[in-house]
Amino acid sequence: ANASVSVTFDGTSLFEGLTYANGRTLFFPKTVKESSDAQVFSIRVDKDGTSQLVEFERTEGALWEIQLELADQPIEQVPLDVLFLLDATGSMADEINQIKSTLLSISHRISDLPSQPDLRFGMVTYRDRGDQFITRTYPFESNIMEFVTSIQGVVADGGGDEPESLNEALHVAVNQVDWRLGDAIRLVFLIADAPPHLDYIEDYDYAEEMVRASQRGIKIFPIASSGLNTQGEYIFRQIALHTMGKFIFILYGGSTSHDVGEYTVENLDDLVVNLVEEELSHLQR
């Protein structure tokens, strides 16, 4: 986890990022125009002063594996930062209330996991231009009671047209909150029922933000709620894929309108705890 990975072609940097808890990261050559003619990539991996430089031929869907011989340095408590990126417009009341009512339980269950992580929660809420606010940040806090108290004022309001200012909210979540560096796990749970505005002239770009998240080892789990439309589902799936997260949806009435195959059903709080536990488990192997 948190190994530095750089991909170059003919001396040109194509990608730089950090590996996730499972030791992997993703590189998409077709998204980088400088790699259009590349047939061989140079991959450099660095961690704790140890590095490897290997060349790989370009192959569709290739899994490139590089192993570093590192000294065994167990971390007593894994730093774990969990950020909720929450659409706070008028249609999101149920989801907001559920997060507020279950967060204390979620915290206790995560803290009681065998690895006993050093847990911090944070939140970024967002609405849209013309609302009372566009984004509002609740900084990372290790004292869960203080954090739960700080978010009690979060309510659903505003919105109007379907898309919201998710582009700007993603920018804030990835770049403007105090993520811990080093051997930390960094997770975002994006809970929303609308896609980002793609029509604002001056705005951030979710596609650029998901690349930055990957570069910084931030994994995003988009959770679709309240009938997210097809465009929103496509974008949420992009974000999940690029950051090695998972696309998740909330069921209403036992069925879903999303384009899915088989799926399992869990409560939102169970889902968050289980995904966190899965991330932590990679560090115990």
C-alpha atoms as a PDB file:
ATOM      1  CA  ALA A   1       0.000   0.000   0.000  1.00  0.00           C
ATOM      2  CA  ASN A   2       1.027   3.595  -0.709  1.00  0.00           C
ATOM      3  CA  ALA A   3       3.901   2.663  -2.992  1.00  0.00           C
ATOM      4  CA  SER A   4       4.701   5.399  -5.492  1.00  0.00           C
ATOM      5  CA  VAL A   5       4.146   4.325  -9.105  1.00  0.00           C
ATOM      6  CA  SER A   6       5.283   6.264 -12.165  1.00  0.00           C
ATOM      7  CA  VAL A   7       4.704   5.346 -15.804  1.00  0.00           C
ATOM      8  CA  THR A   8       6.810   6.902 -18.555  1.00  0.00           C
ATOM      9  CA  PHE A   9       7.274   6.534 -22.303  1.00  0.00           C
ATOM     10  CA  ASP A  10      10.353   7.846 -24.074  1.00  0.00           C
ATOM     11  CA  GLY A  11      11.149  10.083 -21.105  1.00  0.00           C
ATOM     12  CA  THR A  12       7.629  11.552 -20.924  1.00  0.00           C
ATOM     13  CA  SER A  13       5.678  11.117 -17.698  1.00  0.00           C
ATOM     14  CA  LEU A  14       2.277   9.529 -18.341  1.00  0.00           C
ATOM     15  CA  PHE A  15       1.062   8.672 -14.853  1.00  0.00           C
ATOM     16  CA  GLU A  16       2.064   9.061 -11.221  1.00  0.00           C
ATOM     17  CA  GLY A  17       0.086   7.618  -8.356  1.00  0.00           C
ATOM     18  CA  LEU A  18      -0.036   5.617  -5.144  1.00  0.00           C
ATOM     19  CA  THR A  19      -1.062   2.013  -4.755  1.00  0.00           C
ATOM     20  CA  TYR A  20      -4.145   1.218  -2.709  1.00  0.00           C
ATOM     21  CA  ALA A  21      -4.306  -1.134   0.279  1.00  0.00           C
ATOM     22  CA  ASN A  22      -4.268  -4.167  -2.047  1.00  0.00           C
ATOM     23  CA  GLY A  23      -0.968  -3.005  -3.558  1.00  0.00           C
ATOM     24  CA  ARG A  24      -2.519  -2.054  -6.903  1.00  0.00           C
ATOM     25  CA  THR A  25      -3.261   1.043  -8.927  1.00  0.00           C
ATOM     26  CA  LEU A  26      -4.707   1.530 -12.409  1.00  0.00           C
ATOM     27  CA  PHE A  27      -3.233   3.195 -15.482  1.00  0.00           C
ATOM     28  CA  PHE A  28      -5.414   3.919 -18.530  1.00  0.00           C
ATOM     29  CA  PRO A  29      -3.114   4.543 -21.539  1.00  0.00           C
ATOM     30  CA  LYS A  30      -5.969   5.589 -23.839  1.00  0.00           C
ATOM     31  CA  THR A  31      -6.781   8.534 -21.575  1.00  0.00           C
ATOM     32  CA  VAL A  32      -3.277  10.002 -22.033  1.00  0.00           C
ATOM     33  CA  LYS A  33      -2.684  11.349 -25.533  1.00  0.00           C
ATOM     34  CA  GLU A  34       1.118  11.181 -25.139  1.00  0.00           C
ATOM     35  CA  SER A  35       0.846   7.390 -24.892  1.00  0.00           C
ATOM     36  CA  SER A  36      -0.998   6.895 -28.192  1.00  0.00           C
ATOM     37  CA  ASP A  37       2.113   5.599 -29.982  1.00  0.00           C
ATOM     38  CA  ALA A  38       3.671   3.851 -27.003  1.00  0.00           C
ATOM     39  CA  GLN A  39       4.224   0.104 -27.263  1.00  0.00           C
ATOM     40  CA  VAL A  40       6.543  -0.232 -24.255  1.00  0.00           C
ATOM     41  CA  PHE A  41       6.059   1.500 -20.915  1.00  0.00           C
ATOM     42  CA  SER A  42       8.659   2.051 -18.197  1.00  0.00           C
ATOM     43  CA  ILE A  43       7.177   1.456 -14.745  1.00  0.00           C
ATOM     44  CA  ARG A  44       8.985   2.597 -11.611  1.00  0.00           C
ATOM     45  CA  VAL A  45       7.780   1.640  -8.136  1.00  0.00           C
ATOM     46  CA  ASP A  46       9.200   3.194  -4.951  1.00  0.00           C
ATOM     47  CA  LYS A  47       8.482   2.404  -1.313  1.00  0.00           C
ATOM     48  CA  ASP A  48      10.530   3.122   1.816  1.00  0.00           C
ATOM     49  CA  GLY A  49      13.743   3.705  -0.123  1.00  0.00           C
ATOM     50  CA  THR A  50      13.400   0.542  -2.217  1.00  0.00           C
ATOM     51  CA  SER A  51      12.634   0.823  -5.926  1.00  0.00           C
ATOM     52  CA  GLN A  52      12.212  -1.248  -9.071  1.00  0.00           C
ATOM     53  CA  LEU A  53      12.234  -0.115 -12.693  1.00  0.00           C
ATOM     54  CA  VAL A  54      10.678  -2.514 -15.195  1.00  0.00           C
ATOM     55  CA  GLU A  55       9.585  -2.247 -18.819  1.00  0.00           C
ATOM     56  CA  PHE A  56       6.335  -3.805 -19.995  1.00  0.00           C
ATOM     57  CA  GLU A  57       4.872  -4.202 -23.457  1.00  0.00           C
ATOM     58  CA  ARG A  58       1.514  -2.610 -24.110  1.00  0.00           C
ATOM     59  CA  THR A  59      -1.267  -5.178 -23.873  1.00  0.00           C
ATOM     60  CA  GLU A  60      -4.995  -4.559 -23.568  1.00  0.00           C
ATOM     61  CA  GLY A  61      -6.115  -5.202 -19.987  1.00  0.00           C
ATOM     62  CA  ALA A  62      -2.634  -6.244 -18.863  1.00  0.00           C
ATOM     63  CA  LEU A  63      -1.859  -6.905 -15.214  1.00  0.00           C
ATOM     64  CA  TRP A  64       1.698  -5.770 -14.537  1.00  0.00           C
ATOM     65  CA  GLU A  65       3.196  -7.128 -11.344  1.00  0.00           C
ATOM     66  CA  ILE A  66       6.270  -5.688  -9.633  1.00  0.00           C
ATOM     67  CA  GLN A  67       7.437  -6.987  -6.263  1.00  0.00           C
ATOM     68  CA  LEU A  68       9.509  -4.990  -3.805  1.00  0.00           C
ATOM     69  CA  GLU A  69      11.491  -6.674  -1.044  1.00  0.00           C
ATOM     70  CA  LEU A  70      10.608  -4.540   1.973  1.00  0.00           C
ATOM     71  CA  ALA A  71      11.523  -4.873   5.606  1.00  0.00           C
ATOM     72  CA  ASP A  72       8.613  -6.014   7.749  1.00  0.00           C
ATOM     73  CA  GLN A  73       7.406  -2.858   9.465  1.00  0.00           C
ATOM     74  CA  PRO A  74       4.020  -3.572  11.030  1.00  0.00           C
ATOM     75  CA  ILE A  75       1.908  -0.523  11.822  1.00  0.00           C
ATOM     76  CA  GLU A  76       0.404  -0.669  15.290  1.00  0.00           C
ATOM     77  CA  GLN A  77      -2.674   1.246  14.183  1.00  0.00           C
ATOM     78  CA  VAL A  78      -3.431   1.850  10.519  1.00  0.00           C
ATOM     79  CA  PRO A  79      -4.378   5.501   9.907  1.00  0.00           C
ATOM     80  CA  LEU A  80      -7.870   5.362   8.369  1.00  0.00           C
ATOM     81  CA  ASP A  81      -9.543   8.486   6.969  1.00  0.00           C
ATOM     82  CA  VAL A  82     -13.204   8.080   5.957  1.00  0.00           C
ATOM     83  CA  LEU A  83     -14.877  11.007   4.201  1.00  0.00           C
ATOM     84  CA  PHE A  84     -18.585  11.209   3.408  1.00  0.00           C
ATOM     85  CA  LEU A  85     -19.217  13.276   0.264  1.00  0.00           C
ATOM     86  CA  LEU A  86     -22.900  14.003   0.586  1.00  0.00           C
ATOM     87  CA  ASP A  87     -25.449  15.579  -1.740  1.00  0.00           C
ATOM     88  CA  ALA A  88     -27.425  17.819   0.639  1.00  0.00           C
ATOM     89  CA  THR A  89     -30.185  18.937  -1.735  1.00  0.00           C
ATOM     90  CA  GLY A  90     -33.886  18.600  -0.986  1.00  0.00           C
ATOM     91  CA  SER A  91     -34.372  15.029  -2.206  1.00  0.00           C
ATOM     92  CA  MET A  92     -31.678  13.580   0.061  1.00  0.00           C
ATOM     93  CA  ALA A  93     -33.384  13.840   3.468  1.00  0.00           C
ATOM     94  CA  ASP A  94     -33.676  10.072   4.050  1.00  0.00           C
ATOM     95  CA  GLU A  95     -30.019   9.399   3.282  1.00  0.00           C
ATOM     96  CA  ILE A  96     -28.787  12.333   5.370  1.00  0.00           C
ATOM     97  CA  ASN A  97     -30.853  11.267   8.357  1.00  0.00           C
ATOM     98  CA  GLN A  98     -29.633   7.688   8.026  1.00  0.00           C
ATOM     99  CA  ILE A  99     -25.991   8.761   8.037  1.00  0.00           C
ATOM    100  CA  LYS A 100     -26.503  10.996  11.066  1.00  0.00           C
ATOM    101  CA  SER A 101     -28.380   8.318  13.008  1.00  0.00           C
ATOM    102  CA  THR A 102     -25.982   5.434  12.297  1.00  0.00           C
ATOM    103  CA  LEU A 103     -22.582   7.140  12.290  1.00  0.00           C
ATOM    104  CA  LEU A 104     -21.902   6.459  15.959  1.00  0.00           C
ATOM    105  CA  SER A 105     -22.620   2.757  15.440  1.00  0.00           C
ATOM    106  CA  ILE A 106     -20.472   2.704  12.290  1.00  0.00           C
ATOM    107  CA  SER A 107     -17.586   4.237  14.227  1.00  0.00           C
ATOM    108  CA  HIS A 108     -17.803   1.737  17.089  1.00  0.00           C
ATOM    109  CA  ARG A 109     -17.975  -1.222  14.713  1.00  0.00           C
ATOM    110  CA  ILE A 110     -14.959  -0.052  12.706  1.00  0.00           C
ATOM    111  CA  SER A 111     -12.957   0.676  15.854  1.00  0.00           C
ATOM    112  CA  ASP A 112     -13.749  -2.833  17.132  1.00  0.00           C
ATOM    113  CA  LEU A 113     -12.343  -4.539  14.029  1.00  0.00           C
ATOM    114  CA  PRO A 114      -9.287  -6.752  14.722  1.00  0.00           C
ATOM    115  CA  SER A 115      -6.886  -4.194  13.227  1.00  0.00           C
ATOM    116  CA  GLN A 116      -8.286  -1.422  15.484  1.00  0.00           C
ATOM    117  CA  PRO A 117      -7.516   1.385  13.001  1.00  0.00           C
ATOM    118  CA  ASP A 118      -6.723   4.963  13.938  1.00  0.00           C
ATOM    119  CA  LEU A 119     -10.049   6.254  12.615  1.00  0.00           C
ATOM    120  CA  ARG A 120     -11.035   9.758  11.555  1.00  0.00           C
ATOM    121  CA  PHE A 121     -14.299  10.864   9.960  1.00  0.00           C
ATOM    122  CA  GLY A 122     -14.855  13.901   7.772  1.00  0.00           C
ATOM    123  CA  MET A 123     -17.644  15.189   5.556  1.00  0.00           C
ATOM    124  CA  VAL A 124     -18.133  17.447   2.569  1.00  0.00           C
ATOM    125  CA  THR A 125     -21.728  18.403   1.766  1.00  0.00           C
ATOM    126  CA  TYR A 126     -22.735  20.099  -1.450  1.00  0.00           C
ATOM    127  CA  ARG A 127     -25.708  21.580  -3.242  1.00  0.00           C
ATOM    128  CA  ASP A 128     -25.723  23.750  -6.363  1.00  0.00           C
ATOM    129  CA  ARG A 129     -25.029  27.242  -7.574  1.00  0.00           C
ATOM    130  CA  GLY A 130     -27.697  29.622  -6.338  1.00  0.00           C
ATOM    131  CA  ASP A 131     -28.337  27.626  -3.151  1.00  0.00           C
ATOM    132  CA  GLN A 132     -27.378  28.703   0.369  1.00  0.00           C
ATOM    133  CA  PHE A 133     -23.948  27.139  -0.208  1.00  0.00           C
ATOM    134  CA  ILE A 134     -22.170  25.121  -2.884  1.00  0.00           C
ATOM    135  CA  THR A 135     -19.851  23.088  -0.644  1.00  0.00           C
ATOM    136  CA  ARG A 136     -19.405  22.908   3.106  1.00  0.00           C
ATOM    137  CA  THR A 137     -16.552  21.039   4.786  1.00  0.00           C
ATOM    138  CA  TYR A 138     -16.571  19.289   8.164  1.00  0.00           C
ATOM    139  CA  PRO A 139     -12.863  18.604   8.870  1.00  0.00           C
ATOM    140  CA  PHE A 140     -11.527  15.183   9.798  1.00  0.00           C
ATOM    141  CA  GLU A 141     -12.103  14.424  13.454  1.00  0.00           C
ATOM    142  CA  SER A 142     -10.902  11.485  15.561  1.00  0.00           C
ATOM    143  CA  ASN A 143     -13.343  12.263  18.391  1.00  0.00           C
ATOM    144  CA  ILE A 144     -16.498  10.651  17.041  1.00  0.00           C
ATOM    145  CA  MET A 145     -18.830  12.371  19.497  1.00  0.00           C
ATOM    146  CA  GLU A 146     -17.535  15.787  18.460  1.00  0.00           C
ATOM    147  CA  PHE A 147     -17.911  14.868  14.803  1.00  0.00           C
ATOM    148  CA  VAL A 148     -21.466  13.544  15.216  1.00  0.00           C
ATOM    149  CA  THR A 149     -22.374  16.748  17.042  1.00  0.00           C
ATOM    150  CA  SER A 150     -20.809  18.892  14.322  1.00  0.00           C
ATOM    151  CA  ILE A 151     -22.931  17.341  11.534  1.00  0.00           C
ATOM    152  CA  GLN A 152     -26.304  17.515  13.280  1.00  0.00           C
ATOM    153  CA  GLY A 153     -27.019  20.735  11.408  1.00  0.00           C
ATOM    154  CA  VAL A 154     -26.737  19.008   8.021  1.00  0.00           C
ATOM    155  CA  VAL A 155     -30.178  19.091   6.379  1.00  0.00           C
ATOM    156  CA  ALA A 156     -31.581  18.494   2.913  1.00  0.00           C
ATOM    157  CA  ASP A 157     -32.558  21.669   1.075  1.00  0.00           C
ATOM    158  CA  GLY A 158     -32.132  23.462  -2.239  1.00  0.00           C
ATOM    159  CA  GLY A 159     -31.354  21.954  -5.595  1.00  0.00           C
ATOM    160  CA  GLY A 160     -34.096  22.305  -8.174  1.00  0.00           C
ATOM    161  CA  ASP A 161     -32.783  21.223 -11.544  1.00  0.00           C
ATOM    162  CA  GLU A 162     -31.523  17.652 -11.516  1.00  0.00           C
ATOM    163  CA  PRO A 163     -27.712  18.010 -11.807  1.00  0.00           C
ATOM    164  CA  GLU A 164     -25.794  19.393  -8.823  1.00  0.00           C
ATOM    165  CA  SER A 165     -22.337  20.872  -8.186  1.00  0.00           C
ATOM    166  CA  LEU A 166     -20.654  17.492  -7.805  1.00  0.00           C
ATOM    167  CA  ASN A 167     -17.650  18.586  -9.885  1.00  0.00           C
ATOM    168  CA  GLU A 168     -16.756  21.261  -7.352  1.00  0.00           C
ATOM    169  CA  ALA A 169     -17.534  18.968  -4.419  1.00  0.00           C
ATOM    170  CA  LEU A 170     -15.184  16.294  -5.759  1.00  0.00           C
ATOM    171  CA  HIS A 171     -12.469  18.910  -6.154  1.00  0.00           C
ATOM    172  CA  VAL A 172     -12.876  19.952  -2.532  1.00  0.00           C
ATOM    173  CA  ALA A 173     -12.981  16.353  -1.290  1.00  0.00           C
ATOM    174  CA  VAL A 174      -9.831  15.308  -3.138  1.00  0.00           C
ATOM    175  CA  ASN A 175      -7.731  18.463  -2.843  1.00  0.00           C
ATOM    176  CA  GLN A 176      -8.889  20.620   0.044  1.00  0.00           C
ATOM    177  CA  VAL A 177      -9.388  18.344   3.036  1.00  0.00           C
ATOM    178  CA  ASP A 178      -6.613  17.259   5.373  1.00  0.00           C
ATOM    179  CA  TRP A 179      -5.946  13.713   4.191  1.00  0.00           C
ATOM    180  CA  ARG A 180      -3.172  11.936   6.053  1.00  0.00           C
ATOM    181  CA  LEU A 181      -0.139  10.998   4.007  1.00  0.00           C
ATOM    182  CA  GLY A 182       2.137   7.978   4.365  1.00  0.00           C
ATOM    183  CA  ASP A 183       0.740   4.562   5.217  1.00  0.00           C
ATOM    184  CA  ALA A 184      -2.884   5.619   5.523  1.00  0.00           C
ATOM    185  CA  ILE A 185      -6.083   4.299   3.988  1.00  0.00           C
ATOM    186  CA  ARG A 186      -8.142   7.066   2.391  1.00  0.00           C
ATOM    187  CA  LEU A 187     -11.792   6.326   1.537  1.00  0.00           C
ATOM    188  CA  VAL A 188     -14.630   8.463   0.178  1.00  0.00           C
ATOM    189  CA  PHE A 189     -18.280   7.422   0.309  1.00  0.00           C
ATOM    190  CA  LEU A 190     -20.085   9.572  -2.267  1.00  0.00           C
ATOM    191  CA  ILE A 191     -23.838   9.478  -1.597  1.00  0.00           C
ATOM    192  CA  ALA A 192     -25.964  11.274  -4.173  1.00  0.00           C
ATOM    193  CA  ASP A 193     -28.999  11.049  -6.431  1.00  0.00           C
ATOM    194  CA  ALA A 194     -27.927  13.319  -9.298  1.00  0.00           C
ATOM    195  CA  PRO A 195     -25.069  13.662 -11.791  1.00  0.00           C
ATOM    196  CA  PRO A 196     -22.741  16.667 -11.881  1.00  0.00           C
ATOM    197  CA  HIS A 197     -23.523  19.705 -13.984  1.00  0.00           C
ATOM    198  CA  LEU A 198     -21.715  19.313 -17.303  1.00  0.00           C
ATOM    199  CA  ASP A 199     -23.000  22.619 -18.663  1.00  0.00           C
ATOM    200  CA  TYR A 200     -21.275  25.135 -16.385  1.00  0.00           C
ATOM    201  CA  ILE A 201     -18.725  27.168 -18.349  1.00  0.00           C
ATOM    202  CA  GLU A 202     -16.285  27.637 -15.478  1.00  0.00           C
ATOM    203  CA  ASP A 203     -16.211  24.493 -13.381  1.00  0.00           C
ATOM    204  CA  TYR A 204     -14.023  21.649 -12.246  1.00  0.00           C
ATOM    205  CA  ASP A 205     -14.129  18.330 -14.110  1.00  0.00           C
ATOM    206  CA  TYR A 206     -15.060  15.101 -12.335  1.00  0.00           C
ATOM    207  CA  ALA A 207     -12.834  13.166 -14.770  1.00  0.00           C
ATOM    208  CA  GLU A 208      -9.791  15.181 -13.714  1.00  0.00           C
ATOM    209  CA  GLU A 209     -10.709  14.863 -10.045  1.00  0.00           C
ATOM    210  CA  MET A 210     -10.981  11.075 -10.211  1.00  0.00           C
ATOM    211  CA  VAL A 211      -7.492  10.974 -11.752  1.00  0.00           C
ATOM    212  CA  ARG A 212      -6.173  13.137  -8.915  1.00  0.00           C
ATOM    213  CA  ALA A 213      -7.856  10.837  -6.408  1.00  0.00           C
ATOM    214  CA  SER A 214      -6.069   7.869  -7.960  1.00  0.00           C
ATOM    215  CA  GLN A 215      -2.767   9.753  -7.863  1.00  0.00           C
ATOM    216  CA  ARG A 216      -3.229  10.416  -4.143  1.00  0.00           C
ATOM    217  CA  GLY A 217      -4.381   6.926  -3.199  1.00  0.00           C
ATOM    218  CA  ILE A 218      -7.948   8.023  -2.449  1.00  0.00           C
ATOM    219  CA  LYS A 219     -10.541   5.343  -3.175  1.00  0.00           C
ATOM    220  CA  ILE A 220     -14.100   6.466  -3.959  1.00  0.00           C
ATOM    221  CA  PHE A 221     -17.243   4.391  -3.431  1.00  0.00           C
ATOM    222  CA  PRO A 222     -20.133   6.110  -5.252  1.00  0.00           C
ATOM    223  CA  ILE A 223     -23.505   5.204  -3.706  1.00  0.00           C
ATOM    224  CA  ALA A 224     -26.496   5.934  -5.947  1.00  0.00           C
ATOM    225  CA  SER A 225     -29.697   6.865  -4.165  1.00  0.00           C
ATOM    226  CA  SER A 226     -33.242   8.022  -4.931  1.00  0.00           C
ATOM    227  CA  GLY A 227     -33.312   7.102  -8.614  1.00  0.00           C
ATOM    228  CA  LEU A 228     -30.006   8.352 -10.022  1.00  0.00           C
ATOM    229  CA  ASN A 229     -30.461   8.700 -13.797  1.00  0.00           C
ATOM    230  CA  THR A 230     -28.529   6.848 -16.496  1.00  0.00           C
ATOM    231  CA  GLN A 231     -25.997   9.631 -17.016  1.00  0.00           C
ATOM    232  CA  GLY A 232     -25.327   9.755 -13.292  1.00  0.00           C
ATOM    233  CA  GLU A 233     -24.888   5.992 -13.114  1.00  0.00           C
ATOM    234  CA  TYR A 234     -22.384   6.088 -15.976  1.00  0.00           C
ATOM    235  CA  ILE A 235     -20.356   8.812 -14.249  1.00  0.00           C
ATOM    236  CA  PHE A 236     -20.524   7.076 -10.859  1.00  0.00           C
ATOM    237  CA  ARG A 237     -19.273   3.866 -12.450  1.00  0.00           C
ATOM    238  CA  GLN A 238     -16.405   5.775 -14.086  1.00  0.00           C
ATOM    239  CA  ILE A 239     -15.357   7.233 -10.748  1.00  0.00           C
ATOM    240  CA  ALA A 240     -15.532   3.850  -9.015  1.00  0.00           C
ATOM    241  CA  LEU A 241     -13.547   2.116 -11.752  1.00  0.00           C
ATOM    242  CA  HIS A 242     -10.821   4.735 -11.935  1.00  0.00           C
ATOM    243  CA  THR A 243     -10.223   4.777  -8.169  1.00  0.00           C
ATOM    244  CA  MET A 244     -10.666   0.994  -7.727  1.00  0.00           C
ATOM    245  CA  GLY A 245     -13.826   1.501  -5.670  1.00  0.00           C
ATOM    246  CA  LYS A 246     -17.227  -0.099  -6.224  1.00  0.00           C
ATOM    247  CA  PHE A 247     -20.479   1.249  -7.637  1.00  0.00           C
ATOM    248  CA  ILE A 248     -23.212   0.827  -5.038  1.00  0.00           C
ATOM    249  CA  PHE A 249     -26.924   1.624  -5.124  1.00  0.00           C
ATOM    250  CA  ILE A 250     -29.622   2.002  -2.502  1.00  0.00           C
ATOM    251  CA  LEU A 251     -32.740  -0.125  -2.981  1.00  0.00           C
ATOM    252  CA  TYR A 252     -36.224   1.309  -2.651  1.00  0.00           C
ATOM    253  CA  GLY A 253     -39.093  -1.166  -2.472  1.00  0.00           C
ATOM    254  CA  GLY A 254     -36.759  -4.115  -3.035  1.00  0.00           C
ATOM    255  CA  SER A 255     -35.916  -3.314  -6.665  1.00  0.00           C
ATOM    256  CA  THR A 256     -33.521  -1.160  -8.671  1.00  0.00           C
ATOM    257  CA  SER A 257     -33.602   0.713 -11.979  1.00  0.00           C
ATOM    258  CA  HIS A 258     -29.826   0.460 -12.389  1.00  0.00           C
ATOM    259  CA  ASP A 259     -28.159  -1.699 -15.007  1.00  0.00           C
ATOM    260  CA  VAL A 260     -26.830  -4.497 -12.823  1.00  0.00           C
ATOM    261  CA  GLY A 261     -26.435  -8.259 -12.740  1.00  0.00           C
ATOM    262  CA  GLU A 262     -26.497 -10.179  -9.498  1.00  0.00           C
ATOM    263  CA  TYR A 263     -26.203  -8.097  -6.344  1.00  0.00           C
ATOM    264  CA  THR A 264     -26.287  -8.508  -2.587  1.00  0.00           C
ATOM    265  CA  VAL A 265     -28.434  -6.465  -0.219  1.00  0.00           C
ATOM    266  CA  GLU A 266     -27.033  -4.748   2.885  1.00  0.00           C
ATOM    267  CA  ASN A 267     -28.023  -1.847   5.104  1.00  0.00           C
ATOM    268  CA  LEU A 268     -26.046   1.326   4.437  1.00  0.00           C
ATOM    269  CA  ASP A 269     -24.214   1.139   7.767  1.00  0.00           C
ATOM    270  CA  ASP A 270     -23.364  -2.549   7.222  1.00  0.00           C
ATOM    271  CA  LEU A 271     -22.128  -1.695   3.762  1.00  0.00           C
ATOM    272  CA  VAL A 272     -19.762   1.020   4.980  1.00  0.00           C
ATOM    273  CA  VAL A 273     -18.354  -1.187   7.746  1.00  0.00           C
ATOM    274  CA  ASN A 274     -17.860  -4.169   5.423  1.00  0.00           C
ATOM    275  CA  LEU A 275     -16.096  -2.108   2.763  1.00  0.00           C
ATOM    276  CA  VAL A 276     -13.785  -0.600   5.374  1.00  0.00           C
ATOM    277  CA  GLU A 277     -13.069  -4.062   6.769  1.00  0.00           C
ATOM    278  CA  GLU A 278     -12.241  -5.313   3.275  1.00  0.00           C
ATOM    279  CA  GLU A 279      -9.727  -2.504   2.770  1.00  0.00           C
ATOM    280  CA  LEU A 280      -8.078  -3.154   6.121  1.00  0.00           C
ATOM    281  CA  SER A 281      -7.859  -6.886   5.428  1.00  0.00           C
ATOM    282  CA  HIS A 282      -5.407  -6.301   2.570  1.00  0.00           C
ATOM    283  CA  LEU A 283      -2.838  -5.015   5.058  1.00  0.00           C
ATOM    284  CA  GLN A 284      -3.051  -8.132   7.218  1.00  0.00           C
ATOM    285  CA  ARG A 285      -2.052 -10.643   4.551  1.00  0.00           C
END
